[in-house]
C-alpha atoms as a PDB file:
ATOM      1  CA  UNK A   1       0.794  17.704 -25.484  1.00  0.00           C
ATOM      2  CA  UNK A   2       2.260  18.975 -21.787  1.00  0.00           C
ATOM      3  CA  UNK A   3      -0.832  17.574 -20.072  1.00  0.00           C
ATOM      4  CA  UNK A   4      -0.731  14.466 -21.639  1.00  0.00           C
ATOM      5  CA  UNK A   5       2.782  14.158 -20.568  1.00  0.00           C
ATOM      6  CA  UNK A   6       2.469  14.983 -17.062  1.00  0.00           C
ATOM      7  CA  UNK A   7      -0.931  12.699 -16.620  1.00  0.00           C
ATOM      8  CA  UNK A   8       1.382   9.897 -18.177  1.00  0.00           C
ATOM      9  CA  UNK A   9       3.862  10.804 -15.643  1.00  0.00           C
ATOM     10  CA  UNK A  10       1.179  10.581 -12.967  1.00  0.00           C
ATOM     11  CA  UNK A  11      -0.405   7.492 -13.654  1.00  0.00           C
ATOM     12  CA  UNK A  12       2.948   5.600 -14.247  1.00  0.00           C
ATOM     13  CA  UNK A  13       4.261   7.140 -10.704  1.00  0.00           C
ATOM     14  CA  UNK A  14       0.702   5.643  -9.362  1.00  0.00           C
ATOM     15  CA  UNK A  15       1.273   2.398 -11.114  1.00  0.00           C
ATOM     16  CA  UNK A  16       4.688   1.510  -9.888  1.00  0.00           C
ATOM     17  CA  UNK A  17       4.031   2.599  -6.612  1.00  0.00           C
ATOM     18  CA  UNK A  18       0.892   0.314  -6.242  1.00  0.00           C
ATOM     19  CA  UNK A  19       3.017  -2.521  -7.736  1.00  0.00           C
ATOM     20  CA  UNK A  20       5.717  -1.696  -4.974  1.00  0.00           C
ATOM     21  CA  UNK A  21       3.252  -2.145  -2.299  1.00  0.00           C
ATOM     22  CA  UNK A  22       1.757  -5.148  -3.831  1.00  0.00           C
ATOM     23  CA  UNK A  23       5.183  -6.898  -4.249  1.00  0.00           C
ATOM     24  CA  UNK A  24       5.886  -5.853  -0.648  1.00  0.00           C
ATOM     25  CA  UNK A  25       3.052  -7.521   1.203  1.00  0.00           C
ATOM     26  CA  UNK A  26       3.477 -10.779  -0.839  1.00  0.00           C
ATOM     27  CA  UNK A  27       6.902 -10.811  -0.268  1.00  0.00           C
ATOM     28  CA  UNK A  28       6.605 -10.296   3.646  1.00  0.00           C
ATOM     29  CA  UNK A  29       3.972 -13.583   3.731  1.00  0.00           C
ATOM     30  CA  UNK A  30       6.130 -15.487   1.435  1.00  0.00           C
ATOM     31  CA  UNK A  31      10.014 -14.627   2.338  1.00  0.00           C
ATOM     32  CA  UNK A  32       8.946 -13.562   5.706  1.00  0.00           C
ATOM     33  CA  UNK A  33      10.198 -14.727   9.418  1.00  0.00           C
ATOM     34  CA  UNK A  34       7.343 -14.726  12.109  1.00  0.00           C
ATOM     35  CA  UNK A  35       8.610 -12.802  15.568  1.00  0.00           C
ATOM     36  CA  UNK A  36       6.838 -11.792  18.282  1.00  0.00           C
ATOM     37  CA  UNK A  37       6.106  -8.273  18.602  1.00  0.00           C
ATOM     38  CA  UNK A  38       4.578  -6.058  21.545  1.00  0.00           C
ATOM     39  CA  UNK A  39       1.656  -3.528  21.126  1.00  0.00           C
ATOM     40  CA  UNK A  40       2.641  -0.070  21.738  1.00  0.00           C
ATOM     41  CA  UNK A  41      -0.763   1.691  20.622  1.00  0.00           C
ATOM     42  CA  UNK A  42      -4.322   0.870  19.769  1.00  0.00           C
ATOM     43  CA  UNK A  43      -6.605   3.754  18.215  1.00  0.00           C
ATOM     44  CA  UNK A  44     -10.075   4.021  16.351  1.00  0.00           C
ATOM     45  CA  UNK A  45      -9.185   5.354  12.711  1.00  0.00           C
ATOM     46  CA  UNK A  46     -11.385   8.165  11.840  1.00  0.00           C
ATOM     47  CA  UNK A  47     -10.893   9.790   8.679  1.00  0.00           C
ATOM     48  CA  UNK A  48     -12.489  11.738   5.988  1.00  0.00           C
ATOM     49  CA  UNK A  49     -13.592   8.727   3.885  1.00  0.00           C
ATOM     50  CA  UNK A  50     -15.020   6.937   7.283  1.00  0.00           C
ATOM     51  CA  UNK A  51     -16.564   7.693  10.875  1.00  0.00           C
ATOM     52  CA  UNK A  52     -16.651   6.471  14.156  1.00  0.00           C
ATOM     53  CA  UNK A  53     -19.412   3.757  13.523  1.00  0.00           C
ATOM     54  CA  UNK A  54     -16.810   2.181  10.910  1.00  0.00           C
ATOM     55  CA  UNK A  55     -15.396   0.778  14.052  1.00  0.00           C
ATOM     56  CA  UNK A  56     -11.809   1.113  12.262  1.00  0.00           C
ATOM     57  CA  UNK A  57      -8.891   0.161  14.072  1.00  0.00           C
ATOM     58  CA  UNK A  58      -4.696   0.798  14.055  1.00  0.00           C
ATOM     59  CA  UNK A  59      -2.621  -1.496  16.508  1.00  0.00           C
ATOM     60  CA  UNK A  60       0.789  -0.275  16.657  1.00  0.00           C
ATOM     61  CA  UNK A  61       3.230  -2.413  17.476  1.00  0.00           C
ATOM     62  CA  UNK A  62       7.544  -2.864  17.676  1.00  0.00           C
ATOM     63  CA  UNK A  63       9.774  -5.598  17.815  1.00  0.00           C
ATOM     64  CA  UNK A  64      13.594  -6.148  17.797  1.00  0.00           C
ATOM     65  CA  UNK A  65      15.617  -8.013  15.080  1.00  0.00           C
ATOM     66  CA  UNK A  66      19.473  -8.219  16.017  1.00  0.00           C
ATOM     67  CA  UNK A  67      18.997  -5.660  18.865  1.00  0.00           C
ATOM     68  CA  UNK A  68      17.337  -3.026  16.705  1.00  0.00           C
ATOM     69  CA  UNK A  69      14.196  -2.036  17.506  1.00  0.00           C
ATOM     70  CA  UNK A  70      11.534  -1.790  14.411  1.00  0.00           C
ATOM     71  CA  UNK A  71       7.469  -0.315  14.300  1.00  0.00           C
ATOM     72  CA  UNK A  72       4.988  -1.219  12.282  1.00  0.00           C
ATOM     73  CA  UNK A  73       0.834  -1.104  12.252  1.00  0.00           C
ATOM     74  CA  UNK A  74      -1.860  -3.453  11.493  1.00  0.00           C
ATOM     75  CA  UNK A  75      -5.084  -2.073  10.632  1.00  0.00           C
ATOM     76  CA  UNK A  76      -8.299  -3.951  11.961  1.00  0.00           C
ATOM     77  CA  UNK A  77     -11.559  -2.920   9.991  1.00  0.00           C
ATOM     78  CA  UNK A  78     -14.951  -3.262  11.419  1.00  0.00           C
ATOM     79  CA  UNK A  79     -14.203  -4.167  15.030  1.00  0.00           C
ATOM     80  CA  UNK A  80     -17.766  -4.016  16.682  1.00  0.00           C
ATOM     81  CA  UNK A  81     -16.103  -6.116  19.957  1.00  0.00           C
ATOM     82  CA  UNK A  82     -13.442  -3.822  20.745  1.00  0.00           C
ATOM     83  CA  UNK A  83     -12.783  -6.321  23.675  1.00  0.00           C
ATOM     84  CA  UNK A  84     -11.413  -8.708  20.890  1.00  0.00           C
ATOM     85  CA  UNK A  85      -8.389  -6.120  20.324  1.00  0.00           C
ATOM     86  CA  UNK A  86      -5.389  -6.605  21.761  1.00  0.00           C
ATOM     87  CA  UNK A  87      -4.359  -4.380  24.759  1.00  0.00           C
ATOM     88  CA  UNK A  88      -0.916  -2.279  24.802  1.00  0.00           C
ATOM     89  CA  UNK A  89       2.067  -4.453  26.255  1.00  0.00           C
ATOM     90  CA  UNK A  90       0.592  -7.871  24.954  1.00  0.00           C
ATOM     91  CA  UNK A  91       2.378  -9.981  22.287  1.00  0.00           C
ATOM     92  CA  UNK A  92       1.442  -9.970  18.712  1.00  0.00           C
ATOM     93  CA  UNK A  93       2.923 -11.793  15.859  1.00  0.00           C
ATOM     94  CA  UNK A  94       4.652 -10.100  12.954  1.00  0.00           C
ATOM     95  CA  UNK A  95       6.380 -11.104   9.745  1.00  0.00           C
ATOM     96  CA  UNK A  96       9.027  -9.532   8.802  1.00  0.00           C
ATOM     97  CA  UNK A  97      11.931  -9.874   5.850  1.00  0.00           C
ATOM     98  CA  UNK A  98      15.158 -10.991   7.722  1.00  0.00           C
ATOM     99  CA  UNK A  99      16.948  -8.914   5.525  1.00  0.00           C
ATOM    100  CA  UNK A 100      15.212  -5.991   5.774  1.00  0.00           C
ATOM    101  CA  UNK A 101      13.240  -5.565   8.853  1.00  0.00           C
ATOM    102  CA  UNK A 102      11.507  -2.390   8.110  1.00  0.00           C
ATOM    103  CA  UNK A 103       9.554  -4.310   5.677  1.00  0.00           C
ATOM    104  CA  UNK A 104       6.861  -6.197   8.256  1.00  0.00           C
ATOM    105  CA  UNK A 105       3.345  -6.630   8.783  1.00  0.00           C
ATOM    106  CA  UNK A 106       0.834  -9.060  10.376  1.00  0.00           C
ATOM    107  CA  UNK A 107       2.359 -12.772  10.856  1.00  0.00           C
ATOM    108  CA  UNK A 108      -1.822 -13.875   9.655  1.00  0.00           C
ATOM    109  CA  UNK A 109      -1.948 -11.217   6.513  1.00  0.00           C
ATOM    110  CA  UNK A 110      -3.794 -12.180   3.232  1.00  0.00           C
ATOM    111  CA  UNK A 111      -1.314 -11.751   0.127  1.00  0.00           C
ATOM    112  CA  UNK A 112      -4.511 -11.763  -2.281  1.00  0.00           C
ATOM    113  CA  UNK A 113      -4.487  -7.706  -0.866  1.00  0.00           C
ATOM    114  CA  UNK A 114      -0.993  -7.680  -2.305  1.00  0.00           C
ATOM    115  CA  UNK A 115      -1.255  -9.691  -5.502  1.00  0.00           C
ATOM    116  CA  UNK A 116      -4.644  -7.223  -6.033  1.00  0.00           C
ATOM    117  CA  UNK A 117      -2.568  -4.118  -5.556  1.00  0.00           C
ATOM    118  CA  UNK A 118      -0.107  -5.551  -7.658  1.00  0.00           C
ATOM    119  CA  UNK A 119      -2.569  -5.807 -10.540  1.00  0.00           C
ATOM    120  CA  UNK A 120      -4.201  -2.550 -10.096  1.00  0.00           C
ATOM    121  CA  UNK A 121      -0.645  -0.926 -10.119  1.00  0.00           C
ATOM    122  CA  UNK A 122      -0.233  -2.775 -13.361  1.00  0.00           C
ATOM    123  CA  UNK A 123      -3.670  -1.920 -14.829  1.00  0.00           C
ATOM    124  CA  UNK A 124      -2.728   2.274 -13.651  1.00  0.00           C
ATOM    125  CA  UNK A 125       0.903   1.849 -15.213  1.00  0.00           C
ATOM    126  CA  UNK A 126      -0.450   0.336 -18.685  1.00  0.00           C
ATOM    127  CA  UNK A 127      -3.202   3.009 -18.634  1.00  0.00           C
ATOM    128  CA  UNK A 128       0.048   5.827 -18.171  1.00  0.00           C
ATOM    129  CA  UNK A 129       1.547   3.998 -21.448  1.00  0.00           C
ATOM    130  CA  UNK A 130      -1.754   4.220 -23.149  1.00  0.00           C
ATOM    131  CA  UNK A 131      -2.364   7.836 -22.212  1.00  0.00           C
ATOM    132  CA  UNK A 132       1.015   9.024 -23.381  1.00  0.00           C
ATOM    133  CA  UNK A 133       0.415   7.320 -27.355  1.00  0.00           C
ATOM    134  CA  UNK A 134      -0.834   9.573 -29.835  1.00  0.00           C
ATOM    135  CA  UNK A 135      -3.657   7.752 -32.175  1.00  0.00           C
ATOM    136  CA  UNK A 136      -3.094   6.866 -35.917  1.00  0.00           C
ATOM    137  CA  UNK A 137      -6.057   8.954 -36.565  1.00  0.00           C
ATOM    138  CA  UNK A 138      -5.117  11.991 -34.322  1.00  0.00           C
ATOM    139  CA  UNK A 139      -4.030  15.079 -36.606  1.00  0.00           C
ATOM    140  CA  UNK A 140      -0.586  16.321 -36.228  1.00  0.00           C
ATOM    141  CA  UNK A 141      -0.562  20.342 -35.950  1.00  0.00           C
ATOM    142  CA  UNK A 142       1.556  22.108 -37.107  1.00  0.00           C
ATOM    143  CA  UNK A 143       2.756  25.225 -35.141  1.00  0.00           C
ATOM    144  CA  UNK A 144       2.650  27.911 -37.550  1.00  0.00           C
ATOM    145  CA  UNK A 145       0.004  26.166 -39.826  1.00  0.00           C
ATOM    146  CA  UNK A 146      -3.073  28.548 -40.354  1.00  0.00           C
ATOM    147  CA  UNK A 147      -6.157  27.521 -39.329  1.00  0.00           C
ATOM    148  CA  UNK A 148      -9.064  26.916 -41.396  1.00  0.00           C
END
């Protein structure tokens, strides 16, 4: 029973996180304001799940709203022509939520990724809720009942 409860909490937590991330992407796209940021770093991403031949890059940027600096990242996948990447110090369009500028992203970001993340989060959350249910056909064992 304890394993089922912890699995349920993990699935619900992951589902909630995915829904939040999905809503964040959609909210930035729908309610965001566009401003100009400055590229601070362009770095190739090589991780456990990718290698150098994947040509994935992370573009770091910063921008200012009401005199306060904020930062963010843009990821570009499968960039085979690195001359298309922005140079450090160049301008990049950034979209942010005016009441919460720390929620920001690429001005040209596709909201479909946010919708997909939110839908996946809902599915994982539903799986978490179902994990905690005891099926009607599952016998209820008593702690001190003799085993036949």
